[in-house]
Amino acid sequence: MSAFAMFSLKSPSLLAFDKEHNEGDLQRVYGMEQVPCDIRMREILDPVDPELLRLRFKNVLGALQRGKALEDMVFIEGHDLSRIYST
């Protein structure tokens, strides 16, 4: 959840996320008991093969597309998430 929080909050780096996060908000919004420091986050994320995440991401994206959950998220010149990530 910490990695998801970092990416969804658009932190530019692990260190920036570590310095900027407010544990109370992250615990409430993301359901985390404790936020790992940037070093621990690297230890957790570095061994993850991006291809494993890609398959899961495509599955979730496909479900969102079939359920039409992304239709309202159109931005800049008619582009939406489904067109960007389906390639």
PDB file of N, CA and C in Angstrom:
ATOM      1  N   MET A   1       0.818  -1.197   0.000  1.00  0.00           N
ATOM      2  CA  MET A   1       0.000   0.000   0.000  1.00  0.00           C
ATOM      3  C   MET A   1       0.859   1.257   0.000  1.00  0.00           C
ATOM      4  N   SER A   2       2.019   1.175   0.624  1.00  0.00           N
ATOM      5  CA  SER A   2       2.901   2.352   0.648  1.00  0.00           C
ATOM      6  C   SER A   2       3.346   2.730  -0.754  1.00  0.00           C
ATOM      7  N   ALA A   3       3.691   1.728  -1.552  1.00  0.00           N
ATOM      8  CA  ALA A   3       4.107   2.006  -2.925  1.00  0.00           C
ATOM      9  C   ALA A   3       2.947   2.597  -3.716  1.00  0.00           C
ATOM     10  N   PHE A   4       1.748   2.040  -3.543  1.00  0.00           N
ATOM     11  CA  PHE A   4       0.575   2.581  -4.221  1.00  0.00           C
ATOM     12  C   PHE A   4       0.338   4.022  -3.797  1.00  0.00           C
ATOM     13  N   ALA A   5       0.456   4.284  -2.494  1.00  0.00           N
ATOM     14  CA  ALA A   5       0.260   5.652  -1.983  1.00  0.00           C
ATOM     15  C   ALA A   5       1.278   6.597  -2.602  1.00  0.00           C
ATOM     16  N   MET A   6       2.535   6.165  -2.677  1.00  0.00           N
ATOM     17  CA  MET A   6       3.583   7.013  -3.225  1.00  0.00           C
ATOM     18  C   MET A   6       3.283   7.371  -4.681  1.00  0.00           C
ATOM     19  N   PHE A   7       2.890   6.370  -5.484  1.00  0.00           N
ATOM     20  CA  PHE A   7       2.616   6.633  -6.899  1.00  0.00           C
ATOM     21  C   PHE A   7       1.328   7.416  -7.087  1.00  0.00           C
ATOM     22  N   SER A   8       0.313   7.123  -6.292  1.00  0.00           N
ATOM     23  CA  SER A   8      -0.943   7.847  -6.464  1.00  0.00           C
ATOM     24  C   SER A   8      -0.835   9.297  -5.998  1.00  0.00           C
ATOM     25  N   LEU A   9       0.073   9.573  -5.059  1.00  0.00           N
ATOM     26  CA  LEU A   9       0.292  10.942  -4.609  1.00  0.00           C
ATOM     27  C   LEU A   9       1.324  11.661  -5.467  1.00  0.00           C
ATOM     28  N   LYS A  10       1.884  10.937  -6.441  1.00  0.00           N
ATOM     29  CA  LYS A  10       2.824  11.488  -7.423  1.00  0.00           C
ATOM     30  C   LYS A  10       4.085  12.073  -6.787  1.00  0.00           C
ATOM     31  N   SER A  11       4.599  11.364  -5.803  1.00  0.00           N
ATOM     32  CA  SER A  11       5.867  11.778  -5.213  1.00  0.00           C
ATOM     33  C   SER A  11       6.972  11.562  -6.233  1.00  0.00           C
ATOM     34  N   PRO A  12       7.879  12.525  -6.386  1.00  0.00           N
ATOM     35  CA  PRO A  12       8.927  12.398  -7.398  1.00  0.00           C
ATOM     36  C   PRO A  12       9.988  11.356  -7.068  1.00  0.00           C
ATOM     37  N   SER A  13      10.090  10.980  -5.798  1.00  0.00           N
ATOM     38  CA  SER A  13      11.072   9.972  -5.406  1.00  0.00           C
ATOM     39  C   SER A  13      10.661   9.344  -4.086  1.00  0.00           C
ATOM     40  N   LEU A  14      11.299   8.226  -3.758  1.00  0.00           N
ATOM     41  CA  LEU A  14      11.034   7.586  -2.470  1.00  0.00           C
ATOM     42  C   LEU A  14      11.406   8.498  -1.318  1.00  0.00           C
ATOM     43  N   LEU A  15      12.533   9.187  -1.456  1.00  0.00           N
ATOM     44  CA  LEU A  15      12.977  10.083  -0.393  1.00  0.00           C
ATOM     45  C   LEU A  15      11.996  11.241  -0.207  1.00  0.00           C
ATOM     46  N   ALA A  16      11.506  11.795  -1.308  1.00  0.00           N
ATOM     47  CA  ALA A  16      10.533  12.886  -1.212  1.00  0.00           C
ATOM     48  C   ALA A  16       9.250  12.404  -0.543  1.00  0.00           C
ATOM     49  N   PHE A  17       8.805  11.208  -0.900  1.00  0.00           N
ATOM     50  CA  PHE A  17       7.616  10.639  -0.271  1.00  0.00           C
ATOM     51  C   PHE A  17       7.835  10.466   1.223  1.00  0.00           C
ATOM     52  N   ASP A  18       9.011   9.972   1.581  1.00  0.00           N
ATOM     53  CA  ASP A  18       9.341   9.752   2.988  1.00  0.00           C
ATOM     54  C   ASP A  18       9.310  11.067   3.766  1.00  0.00           C
ATOM     55  N   LYS A  19       9.795  12.137   3.162  1.00  0.00           N
ATOM     56  CA  LYS A  19       9.840  13.434   3.838  1.00  0.00           C
ATOM     57  C   LYS A  19       8.475  14.117   3.885  1.00  0.00           C
ATOM     58  N   GLU A  20       7.652  13.906   2.862  1.00  0.00           N
ATOM     59  CA  GLU A  20       6.405  14.658   2.713  1.00  0.00           C
ATOM     60  C   GLU A  20       5.179  13.996   3.329  1.00  0.00           C
ATOM     61  N   HIS A  21       5.219  12.689   3.505  1.00  0.00           N
ATOM     62  CA  HIS A  21       3.977  12.026   3.917  1.00  0.00           C
ATOM     63  C   HIS A  21       3.571  12.400   5.337  1.00  0.00           C
ATOM     64  N   ASN A  22       2.286  12.396   5.526  1.00  0.00           N
ATOM     65  CA  ASN A  22       1.702  12.621   6.836  1.00  0.00           C
ATOM     66  C   ASN A  22       1.107  11.283   7.246  1.00  0.00           C
ATOM     67  N   GLU A  23       1.754  10.607   8.202  1.00  0.00           N
ATOM     68  CA  GLU A  23       1.340   9.239   8.533  1.00  0.00           C
ATOM     69  C   GLU A  23      -0.129   9.121   8.882  1.00  0.00           C
ATOM     70  N   GLY A  24      -0.691  10.100   9.570  1.00  0.00           N
ATOM     71  CA  GLY A  24      -2.100  10.033   9.934  1.00  0.00           C
ATOM     72  C   GLY A  24      -3.000   9.946   8.718  1.00  0.00           C
ATOM     73  N   ASP A  25      -2.711  10.786   7.704  1.00  0.00           N
ATOM     74  CA  ASP A  25      -3.511  10.768   6.478  1.00  0.00           C
ATOM     75  C   ASP A  25      -3.329   9.461   5.722  1.00  0.00           C
ATOM     76  N   LEU A  26      -2.088   8.994   5.610  1.00  0.00           N
ATOM     77  CA  LEU A  26      -1.839   7.748   4.881  1.00  0.00           C
ATOM     78  C   LEU A  26      -2.499   6.571   5.575  1.00  0.00           C
ATOM     79  N   GLN A  27      -2.470   6.564   6.887  1.00  0.00           N
ATOM     80  CA  GLN A  27      -3.108   5.475   7.629  1.00  0.00           C
ATOM     81  C   GLN A  27      -4.614   5.485   7.406  1.00  0.00           C
ATOM     82  N   ARG A  28      -5.208   6.661   7.433  1.00  0.00           N
ATOM     83  CA  ARG A  28      -6.659   6.780   7.276  1.00  0.00           C
ATOM     84  C   ARG A  28      -7.089   6.460   5.847  1.00  0.00           C
ATOM     85  N   VAL A  29      -6.402   7.032   4.866  1.00  0.00           N
ATOM     86  CA  VAL A  29      -6.810   6.880   3.465  1.00  0.00           C
ATOM     87  C   VAL A  29      -6.431   5.514   2.896  1.00  0.00           C
ATOM     88  N   TYR A  30      -5.210   5.051   3.184  1.00  0.00           N
ATOM     89  CA  TYR A  30      -4.709   3.820   2.572  1.00  0.00           C
ATOM     90  C   TYR A  30      -4.725   2.612   3.509  1.00  0.00           C
ATOM     91  N   GLY A  31      -5.125   2.800   4.764  1.00  0.00           N
ATOM     92  CA  GLY A  31      -5.246   1.682   5.695  1.00  0.00           C
ATOM     93  C   GLY A  31      -3.928   1.072   6.131  1.00  0.00           C
ATOM     94  N   MET A  32      -2.872   1.862   6.140  1.00  0.00           N
ATOM     95  CA  MET A  32      -1.563   1.353   6.547  1.00  0.00           C
ATOM     96  C   MET A  32      -1.347   1.613   8.031  1.00  0.00           C
ATOM     97  N   GLU A  33      -0.772   0.632   8.695  1.00  0.00           N
ATOM     98  CA  GLU A  33      -0.453   0.825  10.108  1.00  0.00           C
ATOM     99  C   GLU A  33       0.831   1.621  10.284  1.00  0.00           C
ATOM    100  N   GLN A  34       1.800   1.356   9.399  1.00  0.00           N
ATOM    101  CA  GLN A  34       3.094   2.040   9.497  1.00  0.00           C
ATOM    102  C   GLN A  34       3.632   2.275   8.094  1.00  0.00           C
ATOM    103  N   VAL A  35       4.176   3.442   7.865  1.00  0.00           N
ATOM    104  CA  VAL A  35       4.731   3.781   6.557  1.00  0.00           C
ATOM    105  C   VAL A  35       6.224   3.480   6.578  1.00  0.00           C
ATOM    106  N   PRO A  36       6.706   2.612   5.678  1.00  0.00           N
ATOM    107  CA  PRO A  36       8.134   2.292   5.669  1.00  0.00           C
ATOM    108  C   PRO A  36       8.975   3.464   5.168  1.00  0.00           C
ATOM    109  N   CYS A  37      10.209   3.527   5.631  1.00  0.00           N
ATOM    110  CA  CYS A  37      11.129   4.566   5.163  1.00  0.00           C
ATOM    111  C   CYS A  37      11.528   4.262   3.721  1.00  0.00           C
ATOM    112  N   ASP A  38      12.216   5.197   3.073  1.00  0.00           N
ATOM    113  CA  ASP A  38      12.572   5.015   1.667  1.00  0.00           C
ATOM    114  C   ASP A  38      13.488   3.815   1.458  1.00  0.00           C
ATOM    115  N   ILE A  39      14.382   3.532   2.382  1.00  0.00           N
ATOM    116  CA  ILE A  39      15.290   2.383   2.239  1.00  0.00           C
ATOM    117  C   ILE A  39      14.507   1.084   2.284  1.00  0.00           C
ATOM    118  N   ARG A  40      13.587   0.961   3.224  1.00  0.00           N
ATOM    119  CA  ARG A  40      12.779  -0.261   3.333  1.00  0.00           C
ATOM    120  C   ARG A  40      11.881  -0.417   2.104  1.00  0.00           C
ATOM    121  N   MET A  41      11.358   0.676   1.604  1.00  0.00           N
ATOM    122  CA  MET A  41      10.513   0.617   0.414  1.00  0.00           C
ATOM    123  C   MET A  41      11.317   0.089  -0.774  1.00  0.00           C
ATOM    124  N   ARG A  42      12.557   0.528  -0.910  1.00  0.00           N
ATOM    125  CA  ARG A  42      13.415   0.021  -1.992  1.00  0.00           C
ATOM    126  C   ARG A  42      13.645  -1.475  -1.842  1.00  0.00           C
ATOM    127  N   GLU A  43      13.881  -1.916  -0.627  1.00  0.00           N
ATOM    128  CA  GLU A  43      14.102  -3.342  -0.378  1.00  0.00           C
ATOM    129  C   GLU A  43      12.881  -4.166  -0.771  1.00  0.00           C
ATOM    130  N   ILE A  44      11.699  -3.597  -0.590  1.00  0.00           N
ATOM    131  CA  ILE A  44      10.461  -4.299  -0.926  1.00  0.00           C
ATOM    132  C   ILE A  44      10.218  -4.282  -2.433  1.00  0.00           C
ATOM    133  N   LEU A  45      10.425  -3.133  -3.082  1.00  0.00           N
ATOM    134  CA  LEU A  45      10.060  -2.972  -4.489  1.00  0.00           C
ATOM    135  C   LEU A  45      11.116  -3.444  -5.490  1.00  0.00           C
ATOM    136  N   ASP A  46      12.388  -3.322  -5.155  1.00  0.00           N
ATOM    137  CA  ASP A  46      13.442  -3.648  -6.121  1.00  0.00           C
ATOM    138  C   ASP A  46      13.356  -5.072  -6.674  1.00  0.00           C
ATOM    139  N   PRO A  47      13.047  -6.093  -5.879  1.00  0.00           N
ATOM    140  CA  PRO A  47      13.004  -7.435  -6.453  1.00  0.00           C
ATOM    141  C   PRO A  47      11.762  -7.747  -7.286  1.00  0.00           C
ATOM    142  N   VAL A  48      10.780  -6.864  -7.320  1.00  0.00           N
ATOM    143  CA  VAL A  48       9.535  -7.127  -8.044  1.00  0.00           C
ATOM    144  C   VAL A  48       9.773  -6.986  -9.542  1.00  0.00           C
ATOM    145  N   ASP A  49       9.420  -8.032 -10.285  1.00  0.00           N
ATOM    146  CA  ASP A  49       9.549  -8.023 -11.742  1.00  0.00           C
ATOM    147  C   ASP A  49       8.413  -7.186 -12.337  1.00  0.00           C
ATOM    148  N   PRO A  50       8.723  -6.119 -13.079  1.00  0.00           N
ATOM    149  CA  PRO A  50       7.669  -5.263 -13.644  1.00  0.00           C
ATOM    150  C   PRO A  50       6.680  -6.021 -14.523  1.00  0.00           C
ATOM    151  N   GLU A  51       7.105  -7.096 -15.146  1.00  0.00           N
ATOM    152  CA  GLU A  51       6.193  -7.863 -16.002  1.00  0.00           C
ATOM    153  C   GLU A  51       5.058  -8.491 -15.195  1.00  0.00           C
ATOM    154  N   LEU A  52       5.323  -8.859 -13.944  1.00  0.00           N
ATOM    155  CA  LEU A  52       4.269  -9.400 -13.090  1.00  0.00           C
ATOM    156  C   LEU A  52       3.210  -8.332 -12.811  1.00  0.00           C
ATOM    157  N   LEU A  53       3.653  -7.126 -12.616  1.00  0.00           N
ATOM    158  CA  LEU A  53       2.726  -6.021 -12.371  1.00  0.00           C
ATOM    159  C   LEU A  53       1.953  -5.655 -13.631  1.00  0.00           C
ATOM    160  N   ARG A  54       2.609  -5.727 -14.774  1.00  0.00           N
ATOM    161  CA  ARG A  54       1.972  -5.366 -16.043  1.00  0.00           C
ATOM    162  C   ARG A  54       0.746  -6.250 -16.305  1.00  0.00           C
ATOM    163  N   LEU A  55       0.879  -7.547 -16.094  1.00  0.00           N
ATOM    164  CA  LEU A  55      -0.230  -8.469 -16.333  1.00  0.00           C
ATOM    165  C   LEU A  55      -1.398  -8.143 -15.403  1.00  0.00           C
ATOM    166  N   ARG A  56      -1.108  -7.931 -14.134  1.00  0.00           N
ATOM    167  CA  ARG A  56      -2.179  -7.602 -13.182  1.00  0.00           C
ATOM    168  C   ARG A  56      -2.822  -6.254 -13.521  1.00  0.00           C
ATOM    169  N   PHE A  57      -1.993  -5.298 -13.917  1.00  0.00           N
ATOM    170  CA  PHE A  57      -2.509  -3.984 -14.285  1.00  0.00           C
ATOM    171  C   PHE A  57      -3.448  -4.101 -15.479  1.00  0.00           C
ATOM    172  N   LYS A  58      -3.049  -4.862 -16.485  1.00  0.00           N
ATOM    173  CA  LYS A  58      -3.897  -5.025 -17.665  1.00  0.00           C
ATOM    174  C   LYS A  58      -5.213  -5.696 -17.310  1.00  0.00           C
ATOM    175  N   ASN A  59      -5.181  -6.658 -16.387  1.00  0.00           N
ATOM    176  CA  ASN A  59      -6.417  -7.320 -15.958  1.00  0.00           C
ATOM    177  C   ASN A  59      -7.361  -6.332 -15.278  1.00  0.00           C
ATOM    178  N   VAL A  60      -6.820  -5.521 -14.380  1.00  0.00           N
ATOM    179  CA  VAL A  60      -7.637  -4.521 -13.681  1.00  0.00           C
ATOM    180  C   VAL A  60      -8.153  -3.483 -14.678  1.00  0.00           C
ATOM    181  N   LEU A  61      -7.285  -3.021 -15.556  1.00  0.00           N
ATOM    182  CA  LEU A  61      -7.691  -2.037 -16.554  1.00  0.00           C
ATOM    183  C   LEU A  61      -8.807  -2.592 -17.440  1.00  0.00           C
ATOM    184  N   GLY A  62      -8.672  -3.855 -17.841  1.00  0.00           N
ATOM    185  CA  GLY A  62      -9.709  -4.481 -18.662  1.00  0.00           C
ATOM    186  C   GLY A  62     -11.058  -4.515 -17.950  1.00  0.00           C
ATOM    187  N   ALA A  63     -11.033  -4.845 -16.667  1.00  0.00           N
ATOM    188  CA  ALA A  63     -12.272  -4.876 -15.890  1.00  0.00           C
ATOM    189  C   ALA A  63     -12.889  -3.482 -15.792  1.00  0.00           C
ATOM    190  N   LEU A  64     -12.050  -2.474 -15.595  1.00  0.00           N
ATOM    191  CA  LEU A  64     -12.546  -1.100 -15.527  1.00  0.00           C
ATOM    192  C   LEU A  64     -13.144  -0.662 -16.863  1.00  0.00           C
ATOM    193  N   GLN A  65     -12.501  -1.064 -17.958  1.00  0.00           N
ATOM    194  CA  GLN A  65     -13.010  -0.708 -19.276  1.00  0.00           C
ATOM    195  C   GLN A  65     -14.357  -1.385 -19.541  1.00  0.00           C
ATOM    196  N   ARG A  66     -14.443  -2.682 -19.225  1.00  0.00           N
ATOM    197  CA  ARG A  66     -15.699  -3.406 -19.452  1.00  0.00           C
ATOM    198  C   ARG A  66     -16.835  -2.824 -18.617  1.00  0.00           C
ATOM    199  N   GLY A  67     -16.502  -2.363 -17.411  1.00  0.00           N
ATOM    200  CA  GLY A  67     -17.517  -1.769 -16.547  1.00  0.00           C
ATOM    201  C   GLY A  67     -17.780  -0.310 -16.837  1.00  0.00           C
ATOM    202  N   LYS A  68     -17.084   0.230 -17.825  1.00  0.00           N
ATOM    203  CA  LYS A  68     -17.237   1.631 -18.251  1.00  0.00           C
ATOM    204  C   LYS A  68     -16.908   2.628 -17.135  1.00  0.00           C
ATOM    205  N   ALA A  69     -16.031   2.223 -16.219  1.00  0.00           N
ATOM    206  CA  ALA A  69     -15.654   3.078 -15.091  1.00  0.00           C
ATOM    207  C   ALA A  69     -14.735   4.224 -15.511  1.00  0.00           C
ATOM    208  N   LEU A  70     -14.117   4.110 -16.675  1.00  0.00           N
ATOM    209  CA  LEU A  70     -13.163   5.129 -17.107  1.00  0.00           C
ATOM    210  C   LEU A  70     -13.761   6.154 -18.073  1.00  0.00           C
ATOM    211  N   GLU A  71     -14.989   5.961 -18.465  1.00  0.00           N
ATOM    212  CA  GLU A  71     -15.582   6.843 -19.468  1.00  0.00           C
ATOM    213  C   GLU A  71     -15.616   8.307 -19.039  1.00  0.00           C
ATOM    214  N   ASP A  72     -15.778   8.568 -17.753  1.00  0.00           N
ATOM    215  CA  ASP A  72     -15.848   9.948 -17.267  1.00  0.00           C
ATOM    216  C   ASP A  72     -14.470  10.566 -17.043  1.00  0.00           C
ATOM    217  N   MET A  73     -13.419   9.812 -17.292  1.00  0.00           N
ATOM    218  CA  MET A  73     -12.068  10.303 -17.021  1.00  0.00           C
ATOM    219  C   MET A  73     -11.363  10.760 -18.288  1.00  0.00           C
ATOM    220  N   VAL A  74     -12.083  11.357 -19.189  1.00  0.00           N
ATOM    221  CA  VAL A  74     -11.504  11.877 -20.426  1.00  0.00           C
ATOM    222  C   VAL A  74     -10.753  13.162 -20.108  1.00  0.00           C
ATOM    223  N   PHE A  75      -9.600  13.304 -20.713  1.00  0.00           N
ATOM    224  CA  PHE A  75      -8.805  14.512 -20.510  1.00  0.00           C
ATOM    225  C   PHE A  75      -8.093  14.873 -21.798  1.00  0.00           C
ATOM    226  N   ILE A  76      -7.510  16.014 -21.875  1.00  0.00           N
ATOM    227  CA  ILE A  76      -6.761  16.579 -22.996  1.00  0.00           C
ATOM    228  C   ILE A  76      -7.070  15.932 -24.353  1.00  0.00           C
ATOM    229  N   GLU A  77      -7.806  16.651 -25.133  1.00  0.00           N
ATOM    230  CA  GLU A  77      -8.104  16.279 -26.511  1.00  0.00           C
ATOM    231  C   GLU A  77      -8.729  14.892 -26.665  1.00  0.00           C
ATOM    232  N   GLY A  78      -9.577  14.507 -25.720  1.00  0.00           N
ATOM    233  CA  GLY A  78     -10.306  13.250 -25.846  1.00  0.00           C
ATOM    234  C   GLY A  78      -9.544  12.000 -25.459  1.00  0.00           C
ATOM    235  N   HIS A  79      -8.310  12.109 -25.023  1.00  0.00           N
ATOM    236  CA  HIS A  79      -7.555  10.930 -24.607  1.00  0.00           C
ATOM    237  C   HIS A  79      -8.024  10.489 -23.232  1.00  0.00           C
ATOM    238  N   ASP A  80      -8.010   9.178 -22.991  1.00  0.00           N
ATOM    239  CA  ASP A  80      -8.378   8.680 -21.675  1.00  0.00           C
ATOM    240  C   ASP A  80      -7.425   7.571 -21.254  1.00  0.00           C
ATOM    241  N   LEU A  81      -7.583   7.117 -20.020  1.00  0.00           N
ATOM    242  CA  LEU A  81      -6.680   6.103 -19.479  1.00  0.00           C
ATOM    243  C   LEU A  81      -6.687   4.826 -20.280  1.00  0.00           C
ATOM    244  N   SER A  82      -7.846   4.403 -20.769  1.00  0.00           N
ATOM    245  CA  SER A  82      -7.910   3.141 -21.484  1.00  0.00           C
ATOM    246  C   SER A  82      -7.104   3.182 -22.780  1.00  0.00           C
ATOM    247  N   ARG A  83      -7.071   4.318 -23.461  1.00  0.00           N
ATOM    248  CA  ARG A  83      -6.292   4.419 -24.698  1.00  0.00           C
ATOM    249  C   ARG A  83      -4.802   4.475 -24.409  1.00  0.00           C
ATOM    250  N   ILE A  84      -4.427   5.104 -23.330  1.00  0.00           N
ATOM    251  CA  ILE A  84      -3.011   5.250 -23.002  1.00  0.00           C
ATOM    252  C   ILE A  84      -2.392   3.922 -22.589  1.00  0.00           C
ATOM    253  N   TYR A  85      -3.066   3.180 -21.743  1.00  0.00           N
ATOM    254  CA  TYR A  85      -2.473   1.986 -21.163  1.00  0.00           C
ATOM    255  C   TYR A  85      -2.796   0.709 -21.901  1.00  0.00           C
ATOM    256  N   SER A  86      -3.666   0.734 -22.863  1.00  0.00           N
ATOM    257  CA  SER A  86      -4.020  -0.506 -23.548  1.00  0.00           C
ATOM    258  C   SER A  86      -3.030  -0.877 -24.640  1.00  0.00           C
ATOM    259  N   THR A  87      -2.070  -0.002 -24.913  1.00  0.00           N
ATOM    260  CA  THR A  87      -1.084  -0.292 -25.952  1.00  0.00           C
ATOM    261  C   THR A  87       0.046  -1.132 -25.414  1.00  0.00           C
TER     262      THR A  87
END
